Amino acid sequence: MGDRGKRFVLVQILNSIMSATQGEAWKAPRVRISADSRRLRVQGARTVWPQERDLPVESAAGRDQVIVENPGVYTSLYLKVA
């Protein structure tokens, strides 16, 4: 089963700071996902791993953006597009 309507984009965030610091755990305070709203209009966002949670979408200066606060080692989310 896939997204036949092509209405969702899967975004995966992998905290690779641990790789760069030889295993030392560092928290990423926030991750910003930004898209040109003329090419990809983001209407909604929802994390699906490690927990389900709706995220706000902000639009300014021709860009849509979603900010993920304190992502873990791995975070997965869907962007709903127009």
N, C-alpha and C. Protein backbone atom coordinates (compact mmCIF):
# COMPACT_ATOMS: atom_id res chain seq x y z
N MET A 1 0.85 -1.18 0.00
CA MET A 1 0.00 0.00 0.00
C MET A 1 0.89 1.23 0.00
N GLY A 2 0.63 2.16 -0.87
CA GLY A 2 1.42 3.37 -0.96
C GLY A 2 0.53 4.60 -0.99
N ASP A 3 1.12 5.70 -1.22
CA ASP A 3 0.40 6.97 -1.30
C ASP A 3 0.02 7.21 -2.76
N ARG A 4 -1.04 6.59 -3.20
CA ARG A 4 -1.44 6.69 -4.61
C ARG A 4 -1.82 8.10 -5.03
N GLY A 5 -2.34 8.89 -4.09
CA GLY A 5 -2.72 10.26 -4.40
C GLY A 5 -1.55 11.23 -4.35
N LYS A 6 -0.40 10.74 -3.94
CA LYS A 6 0.82 11.56 -3.83
C LYS A 6 0.56 12.82 -3.00
N ARG A 7 -0.06 12.61 -1.84
CA ARG A 7 -0.39 13.73 -0.98
C ARG A 7 0.51 13.83 0.24
N PHE A 8 1.41 12.85 0.41
CA PHE A 8 2.26 12.85 1.59
C PHE A 8 3.73 12.64 1.20
N VAL A 9 4.61 13.29 1.97
CA VAL A 9 6.05 13.13 1.80
C VAL A 9 6.58 12.60 3.12
N LEU A 10 7.31 11.49 3.07
CA LEU A 10 7.92 10.92 4.26
C LEU A 10 9.26 11.62 4.50
N VAL A 11 9.47 12.10 5.72
CA VAL A 11 10.73 12.72 6.11
C VAL A 11 11.30 11.91 7.26
N GLN A 12 12.57 11.53 7.13
CA GLN A 12 13.24 10.78 8.19
C GLN A 12 14.42 11.60 8.67
N ILE A 13 14.52 11.75 9.99
CA ILE A 13 15.61 12.51 10.60
C ILE A 13 16.48 11.53 11.37
N LEU A 14 17.75 11.49 11.03
CA LEU A 14 18.70 10.64 11.73
C LEU A 14 19.74 11.55 12.37
N ASN A 15 19.86 11.47 13.69
CA ASN A 15 20.82 12.29 14.41
C ASN A 15 22.21 11.66 14.22
N SER A 16 22.99 12.22 13.32
CA SER A 16 24.31 11.65 13.02
C SER A 16 25.42 12.29 13.84
N ILE A 17 25.07 13.11 14.82
CA ILE A 17 26.08 13.74 15.68
C ILE A 17 26.85 12.66 16.42
N MET A 18 26.16 11.58 16.80
CA MET A 18 26.84 10.49 17.52
C MET A 18 27.94 9.87 16.65
N SER A 19 27.70 9.77 15.35
CA SER A 19 28.73 9.22 14.46
C SER A 19 29.95 10.13 14.40
N ALA A 20 29.71 11.42 14.39
CA ALA A 20 30.81 12.38 14.27
C ALA A 20 31.59 12.53 15.57
N THR A 21 31.00 12.16 16.69
CA THR A 21 31.66 12.34 17.98
C THR A 21 32.07 11.00 18.61
N GLN A 22 32.21 9.97 17.78
CA GLN A 22 32.62 8.63 18.23
C GLN A 22 31.73 8.08 19.33
N GLY A 23 30.43 8.21 19.15
CA GLY A 23 29.47 7.61 20.06
C GLY A 23 29.02 8.47 21.21
N GLU A 24 29.59 9.65 21.36
CA GLU A 24 29.16 10.54 22.44
C GLU A 24 27.77 11.09 22.11
N ALA A 25 26.84 10.96 23.03
CA ALA A 25 25.46 11.37 22.78
C ALA A 25 25.31 12.89 22.91
N TRP A 26 24.86 13.51 21.86
CA TRP A 26 24.54 14.93 21.84
C TRP A 26 23.12 15.07 21.34
N LYS A 27 22.35 15.92 21.97
CA LYS A 27 20.98 16.18 21.54
C LYS A 27 20.96 17.27 20.49
N ALA A 28 20.19 17.03 19.45
CA ALA A 28 19.94 18.09 18.47
C ALA A 28 18.76 18.90 19.01
N PRO A 29 18.93 20.19 19.28
CA PRO A 29 17.86 20.96 19.91
C PRO A 29 16.63 21.12 19.02
N ARG A 30 16.85 21.28 17.71
CA ARG A 30 15.71 21.41 16.79
C ARG A 30 16.18 21.18 15.37
N VAL A 31 15.25 20.72 14.57
CA VAL A 31 15.50 20.51 13.14
C VAL A 31 14.45 21.29 12.39
N ARG A 32 14.89 22.05 11.39
CA ARG A 32 13.96 22.84 10.57
C ARG A 32 13.87 22.21 9.19
N ILE A 33 12.64 21.91 8.76
CA ILE A 33 12.38 21.38 7.43
C ILE A 33 11.71 22.51 6.67
N SER A 34 12.32 22.90 5.56
CA SER A 34 11.84 24.05 4.82
C SER A 34 11.63 23.68 3.35
N ALA A 35 10.54 24.19 2.76
CA ALA A 35 10.23 23.89 1.37
C ALA A 35 9.77 25.16 0.66
N ASP A 36 10.13 25.28 -0.60
CA ASP A 36 9.67 26.38 -1.45
C ASP A 36 8.18 26.15 -1.70
N SER A 37 7.33 27.04 -1.20
CA SER A 37 5.89 26.83 -1.28
C SER A 37 5.34 26.91 -2.70
N ARG A 38 6.11 27.44 -3.65
CA ARG A 38 5.67 27.44 -5.04
C ARG A 38 5.82 26.05 -5.66
N ARG A 39 6.74 25.26 -5.14
CA ARG A 39 6.98 23.92 -5.67
C ARG A 39 6.32 22.82 -4.86
N LEU A 40 6.30 22.99 -3.55
CA LEU A 40 5.76 21.97 -2.65
C LEU A 40 5.05 22.68 -1.52
N ARG A 41 3.74 22.75 -1.61
CA ARG A 41 2.96 23.46 -0.59
C ARG A 41 2.61 22.51 0.55
N VAL A 42 3.18 22.76 1.72
CA VAL A 42 2.98 21.89 2.88
C VAL A 42 1.75 22.39 3.65
N GLN A 43 0.77 21.51 3.80
CA GLN A 43 -0.47 21.87 4.50
C GLN A 43 -0.50 21.36 5.93
N GLY A 44 0.25 20.31 6.22
CA GLY A 44 0.23 19.74 7.56
C GLY A 44 1.45 18.88 7.79
N ALA A 45 1.72 18.56 9.05
CA ALA A 45 2.86 17.72 9.40
C ALA A 45 2.50 16.91 10.64
N ARG A 46 2.98 15.66 10.66
CA ARG A 46 2.69 14.79 11.80
C ARG A 46 3.83 13.80 11.98
N THR A 47 4.41 13.78 13.20
CA THR A 47 5.41 12.77 13.49
C THR A 47 4.69 11.44 13.69
N VAL A 48 5.34 10.35 13.24
CA VAL A 48 4.77 9.02 13.39
C VAL A 48 5.70 8.10 14.18
N TRP A 49 6.95 8.53 14.39
CA TRP A 49 7.89 7.75 15.20
C TRP A 49 8.85 8.72 15.87
N PRO A 50 9.15 8.67 17.09
CA PRO A 50 8.83 7.61 18.04
C PRO A 50 7.44 7.75 18.65
N GLN A 51 6.77 8.88 18.42
CA GLN A 51 5.41 9.05 18.92
C GLN A 51 4.62 9.86 17.91
N GLU A 52 3.31 9.69 17.89
CA GLU A 52 2.48 10.45 16.97
C GLU A 52 2.14 11.80 17.59
N ARG A 53 2.33 12.83 16.74
CA ARG A 53 2.09 14.19 17.24
C ARG A 53 1.96 15.12 16.04
N ASP A 54 0.95 15.99 16.04
CA ASP A 54 0.81 16.99 14.99
C ASP A 54 1.81 18.11 15.22
N LEU A 55 2.34 18.63 14.12
CA LEU A 55 3.30 19.74 14.18
C LEU A 55 2.75 20.92 13.39
N PRO A 56 2.99 22.14 13.85
CA PRO A 56 2.52 23.30 13.10
C PRO A 56 3.38 23.54 11.85
N VAL A 57 2.73 24.08 10.82
CA VAL A 57 3.42 24.50 9.60
C VAL A 57 3.37 26.02 9.56
N GLU A 58 4.53 26.63 9.40
CA GLU A 58 4.62 28.09 9.32
C GLU A 58 4.95 28.48 7.88
N SER A 59 4.31 29.54 7.40
CA SER A 59 4.57 30.02 6.05
C SER A 59 5.01 31.47 6.11
N ALA A 60 6.13 31.76 5.43
CA ALA A 60 6.65 33.13 5.38
C ALA A 60 7.61 33.25 4.22
N ALA A 61 7.55 34.35 3.53
CA ALA A 61 8.49 34.69 2.45
C ALA A 61 8.60 33.57 1.40
N GLY A 62 7.46 32.98 1.04
CA GLY A 62 7.47 31.96 -0.01
C GLY A 62 7.99 30.60 0.42
N ARG A 63 8.12 30.38 1.73
CA ARG A 63 8.62 29.09 2.25
C ARG A 63 7.66 28.55 3.30
N ASP A 64 7.45 27.26 3.25
CA ASP A 64 6.71 26.57 4.30
C ASP A 64 7.74 25.86 5.16
N GLN A 65 7.58 25.91 6.46
CA GLN A 65 8.56 25.24 7.31
C GLN A 65 7.89 24.56 8.49
N VAL A 66 8.53 23.47 8.90
CA VAL A 66 8.12 22.69 10.06
C VAL A 66 9.35 22.58 10.95
N ILE A 67 9.17 22.84 12.23
CA ILE A 67 10.28 22.73 13.17
C ILE A 67 10.00 21.55 14.11
N VAL A 68 10.96 20.65 14.17
CA VAL A 68 10.87 19.49 15.06
C VAL A 68 11.78 19.78 16.25
N GLU A 69 11.18 19.94 17.42
CA GLU A 69 11.95 20.23 18.63
C GLU A 69 12.46 18.93 19.24
N ASN A 70 13.70 18.93 19.66
CA ASN A 70 14.33 17.81 20.37
C ASN A 70 14.09 16.45 19.72
N PRO A 71 14.48 16.30 18.45
CA PRO A 71 14.32 14.98 17.83
C PRO A 71 15.26 13.98 18.50
N GLY A 72 14.84 12.74 18.53
CA GLY A 72 15.68 11.70 19.12
C GLY A 72 16.74 11.26 18.13
N VAL A 73 17.25 10.08 18.35
CA VAL A 73 18.25 9.52 17.44
C VAL A 73 17.62 9.32 16.06
N TYR A 74 16.34 8.91 16.04
CA TYR A 74 15.62 8.73 14.78
C TYR A 74 14.22 9.27 14.95
N THR A 75 13.76 10.06 14.00
CA THR A 75 12.40 10.59 13.99
C THR A 75 11.86 10.47 12.58
N SER A 76 10.61 10.09 12.48
CA SER A 76 9.95 9.96 11.18
C SER A 76 8.67 10.78 11.20
N LEU A 77 8.42 11.50 10.10
CA LEU A 77 7.21 12.29 10.02
C LEU A 77 6.71 12.36 8.59
N TYR A 78 5.44 12.70 8.46
CA TYR A 78 4.83 12.89 7.16
C TYR A 78 4.49 14.36 6.98
N LEU A 79 4.74 14.88 5.79
CA LEU A 79 4.27 16.19 5.40
C LEU A 79 3.08 15.99 4.47
N LYS A 80 1.98 16.67 4.74
CA LYS A 80 0.82 16.62 3.85
C LYS A 80 0.96 17.78 2.88
N VAL A 81 0.92 17.46 1.59
CA VAL A 81 1.11 18.49 0.56
C VAL A 81 -0.16 18.69 -0.25
N ALA A 82 -0.28 19.90 -0.83
CA ALA A 82 -1.47 20.24 -1.63
C ALA A 82 -1.36 19.65 -3.01
